Amino acid sequence: MANKRKKKNENILGLMVFVIVLLLIAVGVLIIFRQPETQNKAKNFFTYPTEYEEYVIKYSAEYDIDPRYIFAVINTESHFDPQAESEVGARGLMQIMPDAFDWIKFRLNDERDITFDDMYDPELNIQYGCYMLSYLYQDFDESYELAAGAYHQGMNAVHGWIEDGTIDPEHFSINENLDDVPSELTRDYIYKVMKAFEKYKNNSQLEEDINNGKYE
């Protein structure tokens, strides 16, 4: 009888210790997550993810475009949903349109047996999107803002705004003359991409992966 009582007391004591440990862990986690820096990191992890990092770093290096900019565009276009499809038919992570797919495939002289349906494939979509953005970035004199505008509205439209004096490419930025862009949707798009770009620039782990050649 005494042994049973002793064992029961030991079980109760063990349970109490377990509960106390759980409470201490919970308090510790709460304290950590109350810190502004930790809250910001947690928020950025979910709001500015870095999924498909291997493909983004690989193809941004191949086509000479900042991978953090690519992440910003993916975040804005599909928020990393490879099955995303817009009302106008754009597909995949970087929302490639049918005519853009044909143009990029021709420019790359891509002889693989792929069709527009393959734009749901994350790697292919990122490859084509990286090429497109790299081309636009160079075409608009290395302006990330104008490249984003052309990616959204079309390069001919943005060239038209420049030619008729609607926007000044020499001094264009989201902080100075974003309102000069005639399309409200494109203005919002450029703003979102550039703000996300800044967030990704501040991602120290991503910076480390890029600089250390993690996927080379």
C-alpha atoms as a PDB file:
ATOM      1  CA  MET A   1       0.000   0.000   0.000  1.00  0.00           C
ATOM      2  CA  ALA A   2       2.844   2.349   0.930  1.00  0.00           C
ATOM      3  CA  ASN A   3       4.573   1.578  -2.371  1.00  0.00           C
ATOM      4  CA  LYS A   4       1.426   2.442  -4.323  1.00  0.00           C
ATOM      5  CA  ARG A   5       1.080   5.731  -2.443  1.00  0.00           C
ATOM      6  CA  LYS A   6       4.757   6.507  -3.072  1.00  0.00           C
ATOM      7  CA  LYS A   7       4.422   5.743  -6.781  1.00  0.00           C
ATOM      8  CA  LYS A   8       1.296   7.905  -6.997  1.00  0.00           C
ATOM      9  CA  ASN A   9       3.121  10.791  -5.332  1.00  0.00           C
ATOM     10  CA  GLU A  10       6.020  10.379  -7.750  1.00  0.00           C
ATOM     11  CA  ASN A  11       3.631  10.489 -10.703  1.00  0.00           C
ATOM     12  CA  ILE A  12       1.996  13.648  -9.376  1.00  0.00           C
ATOM     13  CA  LEU A  13       5.405  15.229  -8.797  1.00  0.00           C
ATOM     14  CA  GLY A  14       6.516  14.274 -12.290  1.00  0.00           C
ATOM     15  CA  LEU A  15       3.361  15.773 -13.786  1.00  0.00           C
ATOM     16  CA  MET A  16       3.859  18.986 -11.813  1.00  0.00           C
ATOM     17  CA  VAL A  17       7.453  19.271 -13.030  1.00  0.00           C
ATOM     18  CA  PHE A  18       6.294  18.677 -16.609  1.00  0.00           C
ATOM     19  CA  VAL A  19       3.630  21.391 -16.319  1.00  0.00           C
ATOM     20  CA  ILE A  20       6.120  23.839 -14.797  1.00  0.00           C
ATOM     21  CA  VAL A  21       8.611  23.192 -17.615  1.00  0.00           C
ATOM     22  CA  LEU A  22       5.889  23.782 -20.208  1.00  0.00           C
ATOM     23  CA  LEU A  23       4.902  27.027 -18.505  1.00  0.00           C
ATOM     24  CA  LEU A  24       8.515  28.208 -18.435  1.00  0.00           C
ATOM     25  CA  ILE A  25       8.905  27.406 -22.138  1.00  0.00           C
ATOM     26  CA  ALA A  26       5.667  29.238 -22.938  1.00  0.00           C
ATOM     27  CA  VAL A  27       6.789  32.288 -20.956  1.00  0.00           C
ATOM     28  CA  GLY A  28      10.175  32.224 -22.695  1.00  0.00           C
ATOM     29  CA  VAL A  29       8.586  32.035 -26.139  1.00  0.00           C
ATOM     30  CA  LEU A  30       6.199  34.846 -25.230  1.00  0.00           C
ATOM     31  CA  ILE A  31       9.073  37.047 -24.074  1.00  0.00           C
ATOM     32  CA  ILE A  32      11.045  36.355 -27.247  1.00  0.00           C
ATOM     33  CA  PHE A  33       8.123  37.093 -29.548  1.00  0.00           C
ATOM     34  CA  ARG A  34       7.328  40.299 -27.706  1.00  0.00           C
ATOM     35  CA  GLN A  35      10.647  41.684 -28.925  1.00  0.00           C
ATOM     36  CA  PRO A  36      10.104  44.000 -31.943  1.00  0.00           C
ATOM     37  CA  GLU A  37      13.015  42.462 -33.865  1.00  0.00           C
ATOM     38  CA  THR A  38      11.629  38.937 -33.466  1.00  0.00           C
ATOM     39  CA  GLN A  39       8.136  40.065 -34.425  1.00  0.00           C
ATOM     40  CA  ASN A  40       9.499  41.674 -37.580  1.00  0.00           C
ATOM     41  CA  LYS A  41      11.424  38.530 -38.527  1.00  0.00           C
ATOM     42  CA  ALA A  42       8.371  36.347 -37.989  1.00  0.00           C
ATOM     43  CA  LYS A  43       6.200  38.727 -39.998  1.00  0.00           C
ATOM     44  CA  ASN A  44       8.720  38.853 -42.843  1.00  0.00           C
ATOM     45  CA  PHE A  45       9.013  35.053 -42.870  1.00  0.00           C
ATOM     46  CA  PHE A  46       5.322  34.739 -43.712  1.00  0.00           C
ATOM     47  CA  THR A  47       4.847  37.992 -45.658  1.00  0.00           C
ATOM     48  CA  TYR A  48       8.094  37.904 -47.652  1.00  0.00           C
ATOM     49  CA  PRO A  49       8.970  34.215 -48.063  1.00  0.00           C
ATOM     50  CA  THR A  50      11.900  32.890 -50.087  1.00  0.00           C
ATOM     51  CA  GLU A  51      10.424  29.722 -51.521  1.00  0.00           C
ATOM     52  CA  TYR A  52      12.066  28.302 -54.651  1.00  0.00           C
ATOM     53  CA  GLU A  53      15.289  30.031 -53.612  1.00  0.00           C
ATOM     54  CA  GLU A  54      17.439  27.565 -55.549  1.00  0.00           C
ATOM     55  CA  TYR A  55      15.744  28.387 -58.864  1.00  0.00           C
ATOM     56  CA  VAL A  56      15.617  32.124 -58.209  1.00  0.00           C
ATOM     57  CA  ILE A  57      19.324  32.351 -57.413  1.00  0.00           C
ATOM     58  CA  LYS A  58      20.267  30.032 -60.286  1.00  0.00           C
ATOM     59  CA  TYR A  59      18.412  31.869 -63.053  1.00  0.00           C
ATOM     60  CA  SER A  60      18.918  35.384 -61.729  1.00  0.00           C
ATOM     61  CA  ALA A  61      22.657  34.682 -61.875  1.00  0.00           C
ATOM     62  CA  GLU A  62      22.346  33.229 -65.371  1.00  0.00           C
ATOM     63  CA  TYR A  63      20.488  36.284 -66.678  1.00  0.00           C
ATOM     64  CA  ASP A  64      22.256  38.853 -64.488  1.00  0.00           C
ATOM     65  CA  ILE A  65      19.370  40.243 -62.446  1.00  0.00           C
ATOM     66  CA  ASP A  66      19.160  40.776 -58.682  1.00  0.00           C
ATOM     67  CA  PRO A  67      17.514  37.672 -57.110  1.00  0.00           C
ATOM     68  CA  ARG A  68      15.933  39.838 -54.418  1.00  0.00           C
ATOM     69  CA  TYR A  69      14.114  41.720 -57.163  1.00  0.00           C
ATOM     70  CA  ILE A  70      12.877  38.410 -58.575  1.00  0.00           C
ATOM     71  CA  PHE A  71      11.532  37.434 -55.162  1.00  0.00           C
ATOM     72  CA  ALA A  72       9.765  40.797 -54.965  1.00  0.00           C
ATOM     73  CA  VAL A  73       8.062  40.231 -58.316  1.00  0.00           C
ATOM     74  CA  ILE A  74       7.015  36.673 -57.426  1.00  0.00           C
ATOM     75  CA  ASN A  75       5.626  37.904 -54.125  1.00  0.00           C
ATOM     76  CA  THR A  76       3.639  40.628 -55.875  1.00  0.00           C
ATOM     77  CA  GLU A  77       2.464  38.499 -58.797  1.00  0.00           C
ATOM     78  CA  SER A  78       1.383  35.254 -57.118  1.00  0.00           C
ATOM     79  CA  HIS A  79       2.636  35.255 -53.525  1.00  0.00           C
ATOM     80  CA  PHE A  80       4.481  32.035 -54.391  1.00  0.00           C
ATOM     81  CA  ASP A  81       1.502  30.055 -55.688  1.00  0.00           C
ATOM     82  CA  PRO A  82       2.785  28.004 -58.664  1.00  0.00           C
ATOM     83  CA  GLN A  83      -0.791  27.228 -59.736  1.00  0.00           C
ATOM     84  CA  ALA A  84      -1.886  30.868 -59.815  1.00  0.00           C
ATOM     85  CA  GLU A  85      -3.797  31.963 -62.911  1.00  0.00           C
ATOM     86  CA  SER A  86      -5.100  35.457 -63.545  1.00  0.00           C
ATOM     87  CA  GLU A  87      -8.353  36.489 -65.189  1.00  0.00           C
ATOM     88  CA  VAL A  88      -6.429  37.386 -68.349  1.00  0.00           C
ATOM     89  CA  GLY A  89      -4.644  34.032 -68.518  1.00  0.00           C
ATOM     90  CA  ALA A  90      -1.255  34.704 -66.905  1.00  0.00           C
ATOM     91  CA  ARG A  91       0.120  31.585 -65.253  1.00  0.00           C
ATOM     92  CA  GLY A  92       2.401  30.451 -62.497  1.00  0.00           C
ATOM     93  CA  LEU A  93       4.696  32.062 -59.974  1.00  0.00           C
ATOM     94  CA  MET A  94       5.676  35.005 -62.172  1.00  0.00           C
ATOM     95  CA  GLN A  95       2.368  35.183 -64.052  1.00  0.00           C
ATOM     96  CA  ILE A  96       3.708  34.631 -67.561  1.00  0.00           C
ATOM     97  CA  MET A  97       1.284  35.560 -70.346  1.00  0.00           C
ATOM     98  CA  PRO A  98       0.883  33.376 -73.480  1.00  0.00           C
ATOM     99  CA  ASP A  99       2.439  35.941 -75.837  1.00  0.00           C
ATOM    100  CA  ALA A 100       5.296  36.548 -73.383  1.00  0.00           C
ATOM    101  CA  PHE A 101       5.920  32.795 -73.229  1.00  0.00           C
ATOM    102  CA  ASP A 102       6.182  32.585 -77.022  1.00  0.00           C
ATOM    103  CA  TRP A 103       8.477  35.628 -77.161  1.00  0.00           C
ATOM    104  CA  ILE A 104      10.809  34.362 -74.426  1.00  0.00           C
ATOM    105  CA  LYS A 105      10.947  30.855 -75.898  1.00  0.00           C
ATOM    106  CA  PHE A 106      11.948  32.373 -79.245  1.00  0.00           C
ATOM    107  CA  ARG A 107      14.525  34.702 -77.693  1.00  0.00           C
ATOM    108  CA  LEU A 108      16.094  31.847 -75.733  1.00  0.00           C
ATOM    109  CA  ASN A 109      16.008  29.564 -78.764  1.00  0.00           C
ATOM    110  CA  ASP A 110      14.530  27.046 -76.354  1.00  0.00           C
ATOM    111  CA  GLU A 111      14.122  23.816 -78.308  1.00  0.00           C
ATOM    112  CA  ARG A 112      12.748  21.807 -75.416  1.00  0.00           C
ATOM    113  CA  ASP A 113       9.338  20.248 -75.933  1.00  0.00           C
ATOM    114  CA  ILE A 114       7.495  22.640 -73.641  1.00  0.00           C
ATOM    115  CA  THR A 115       4.240  24.542 -74.040  1.00  0.00           C
ATOM    116  CA  PHE A 116       2.480  27.329 -72.209  1.00  0.00           C
ATOM    117  CA  ASP A 117       0.962  24.684 -69.918  1.00  0.00           C
ATOM    118  CA  ASP A 118       4.457  24.149 -68.514  1.00  0.00           C
ATOM    119  CA  MET A 119       4.372  27.605 -66.964  1.00  0.00           C
ATOM    120  CA  TYR A 120       2.847  25.957 -63.908  1.00  0.00           C
ATOM    121  CA  ASP A 121       6.243  24.340 -63.389  1.00  0.00           C
ATOM    122  CA  PRO A 122       8.107  26.503 -60.831  1.00  0.00           C
ATOM    123  CA  GLU A 123      11.572  26.140 -62.348  1.00  0.00           C
ATOM    124  CA  LEU A 124      10.502  26.864 -65.925  1.00  0.00           C
ATOM    125  CA  ASN A 125       8.332  29.766 -64.835  1.00  0.00           C
ATOM    126  CA  ILE A 126      11.160  31.324 -62.839  1.00  0.00           C
ATOM    127  CA  GLN A 127      13.617  30.813 -65.690  1.00  0.00           C
ATOM    128  CA  TYR A 128      11.340  32.580 -68.163  1.00  0.00           C
ATOM    129  CA  GLY A 129      10.430  35.319 -65.695  1.00  0.00           C
ATOM    130  CA  CYS A 130      14.083  35.993 -64.856  1.00  0.00           C
ATOM    131  CA  TYR A 131      14.937  36.308 -68.529  1.00  0.00           C
ATOM    132  CA  MET A 132      12.038  38.679 -69.147  1.00  0.00           C
ATOM    133  CA  LEU A 133      12.877  40.936 -66.212  1.00  0.00           C
ATOM    134  CA  SER A 134      16.570  40.960 -67.095  1.00  0.00           C
ATOM    135  CA  TYR A 135      15.700  42.047 -70.631  1.00  0.00           C
ATOM    136  CA  LEU A 136      13.399  44.809 -69.367  1.00  0.00           C
ATOM    137  CA  TYR A 137      15.941  45.972 -66.792  1.00  0.00           C
ATOM    138  CA  GLN A 138      18.555  46.441 -69.505  1.00  0.00           C
ATOM    139  CA  ASP A 139      16.050  47.889 -71.977  1.00  0.00           C
ATOM    140  CA  PHE A 140      15.052  50.607 -69.505  1.00  0.00           C
ATOM    141  CA  ASP A 141      18.615  51.591 -68.597  1.00  0.00           C
ATOM    142  CA  GLU A 142      18.785  49.517 -65.422  1.00  0.00           C
ATOM    143  CA  SER A 143      15.690  51.003 -63.826  1.00  0.00           C
ATOM    144  CA  TYR A 144      13.995  48.488 -61.556  1.00  0.00           C
ATOM    145  CA  GLU A 145      10.928  50.722 -61.357  1.00  0.00           C
ATOM    146  CA  LEU A 146      10.442  51.000 -65.111  1.00  0.00           C
ATOM    147  CA  ALA A 147      11.207  47.306 -65.608  1.00  0.00           C
ATOM    148  CA  ALA A 148       8.429  46.505 -63.131  1.00  0.00           C
ATOM    149  CA  GLY A 149       6.086  48.875 -64.941  1.00  0.00           C
ATOM    150  CA  ALA A 150       6.865  47.233 -68.279  1.00  0.00           C
ATOM    151  CA  TYR A 151       6.443  43.755 -66.799  1.00  0.00           C
ATOM    152  CA  HIS A 152       2.967  44.765 -65.676  1.00  0.00           C
ATOM    153  CA  GLN A 153       1.774  47.061 -68.470  1.00  0.00           C
ATOM    154  CA  GLY A 154       3.971  46.004 -71.383  1.00  0.00           C
ATOM    155  CA  MET A 155       7.244  47.434 -72.661  1.00  0.00           C
ATOM    156  CA  ASN A 156       5.597  49.256 -75.580  1.00  0.00           C
ATOM    157  CA  ALA A 157       3.312  51.156 -73.214  1.00  0.00           C
ATOM    158  CA  VAL A 158       6.196  52.306 -71.015  1.00  0.00           C
ATOM    159  CA  HIS A 159       8.301  53.294 -74.028  1.00  0.00           C
ATOM    160  CA  GLY A 160       5.300  55.294 -75.218  1.00  0.00           C
ATOM    161  CA  TRP A 161       5.074  57.156 -71.903  1.00  0.00           C
ATOM    162  CA  ILE A 162       8.758  58.014 -72.167  1.00  0.00           C
ATOM    163  CA  GLU A 163       8.541  59.140 -75.789  1.00  0.00           C
ATOM    164  CA  ASP A 164       5.571  61.448 -75.236  1.00  0.00           C
ATOM    165  CA  GLY A 165       7.125  62.943 -72.099  1.00  0.00           C
ATOM    166  CA  THR A 166       4.612  61.500 -69.647  1.00  0.00           C
ATOM    167  CA  ILE A 167       7.418  60.134 -67.491  1.00  0.00           C
ATOM    168  CA  ASP A 168      11.063  61.136 -67.205  1.00  0.00           C
ATOM    169  CA  PRO A 169      13.227  57.997 -67.142  1.00  0.00           C
ATOM    170  CA  GLU A 170      16.252  59.944 -65.913  1.00  0.00           C
ATOM    171  CA  HIS A 171      14.647  60.851 -62.596  1.00  0.00           C
ATOM    172  CA  PHE A 172      11.969  58.233 -62.086  1.00  0.00           C
ATOM    173  CA  SER A 173      11.458  56.710 -58.640  1.00  0.00           C
ATOM    174  CA  ILE A 174       8.576  55.715 -56.403  1.00  0.00           C
ATOM    175  CA  ASN A 175       9.467  58.523 -53.998  1.00  0.00           C
ATOM    176  CA  GLU A 176       9.503  61.338 -56.550  1.00  0.00           C
ATOM    177  CA  ASN A 177       7.274  60.954 -59.581  1.00  0.00           C
ATOM    178  CA  LEU A 178       5.381  57.679 -59.384  1.00  0.00           C
ATOM    179  CA  ASP A 179       2.158  59.637 -59.909  1.00  0.00           C
ATOM    180  CA  ASP A 180       3.329  60.414 -63.457  1.00  0.00           C
ATOM    181  CA  VAL A 181       2.492  56.828 -64.464  1.00  0.00           C
ATOM    182  CA  PRO A 182      -0.914  57.074 -66.201  1.00  0.00           C
ATOM    183  CA  SER A 183      -2.205  53.687 -65.039  1.00  0.00           C
ATOM    184  CA  GLU A 184      -3.251  53.476 -61.392  1.00  0.00           C
ATOM    185  CA  LEU A 185      -2.907  49.693 -61.431  1.00  0.00           C
ATOM    186  CA  THR A 186       0.637  49.945 -62.767  1.00  0.00           C
ATOM    187  CA  ARG A 187       1.507  52.626 -60.206  1.00  0.00           C
ATOM    188  CA  ASP A 188       0.327  50.325 -57.422  1.00  0.00           C
ATOM    189  CA  TYR A 189       2.206  47.409 -58.938  1.00  0.00           C
ATOM    190  CA  ILE A 190       5.503  49.303 -59.160  1.00  0.00           C
ATOM    191  CA  TYR A 191       5.092  50.510 -55.585  1.00  0.00           C
ATOM    192  CA  LYS A 192       4.411  47.004 -54.248  1.00  0.00           C
ATOM    193  CA  VAL A 193       7.345  45.470 -56.115  1.00  0.00           C
ATOM    194  CA  MET A 194       9.808  48.111 -54.957  1.00  0.00           C
ATOM    195  CA  LYS A 195       8.646  47.952 -51.340  1.00  0.00           C
ATOM    196  CA  ALA A 196       8.972  44.156 -51.395  1.00  0.00           C
ATOM    197  CA  PHE A 197      12.397  44.561 -53.020  1.00  0.00           C
ATOM    198  CA  GLU A 198      13.509  46.653 -50.035  1.00  0.00           C
ATOM    199  CA  LYS A 199      12.246  43.985 -47.639  1.00  0.00           C
ATOM    200  CA  TYR A 200      14.176  41.263 -49.432  1.00  0.00           C
ATOM    201  CA  LYS A 201      17.305  43.428 -49.434  1.00  0.00           C
ATOM    202  CA  ASN A 202      17.092  43.412 -45.633  1.00  0.00           C
ATOM    203  CA  ASN A 203      16.850  39.610 -45.425  1.00  0.00           C
ATOM    204  CA  SER A 204      20.247  38.700 -43.963  1.00  0.00           C
ATOM    205  CA  GLN A 205      19.831  34.942 -44.486  1.00  0.00           C
ATOM    206  CA  LEU A 206      18.984  35.432 -48.156  1.00  0.00           C
ATOM    207  CA  GLU A 207      21.961  37.765 -48.520  1.00  0.00           C
ATOM    208  CA  GLU A 208      24.204  35.090 -47.012  1.00  0.00           C
ATOM    209  CA  ASP A 209      22.865  32.397 -49.351  1.00  0.00           C
ATOM    210  CA  ILE A 210      23.479  34.633 -52.372  1.00  0.00           C
ATOM    211  CA  ASN A 211      26.988  35.709 -51.361  1.00  0.00           C
ATOM    212  CA  ASN A 212      28.118  32.232 -50.338  1.00  0.00           C
ATOM    213  CA  GLY A 213      27.078  30.693 -53.646  1.00  0.00           C
ATOM    214  CA  LYS A 214      24.846  28.214 -51.840  1.00  0.00           C
ATOM    215  CA  TYR A 215      23.365  26.775 -55.043  1.00  0.00           C
ATOM    216  CA  GLU A 216      26.385  26.889 -57.331  1.00  0.00           C
END
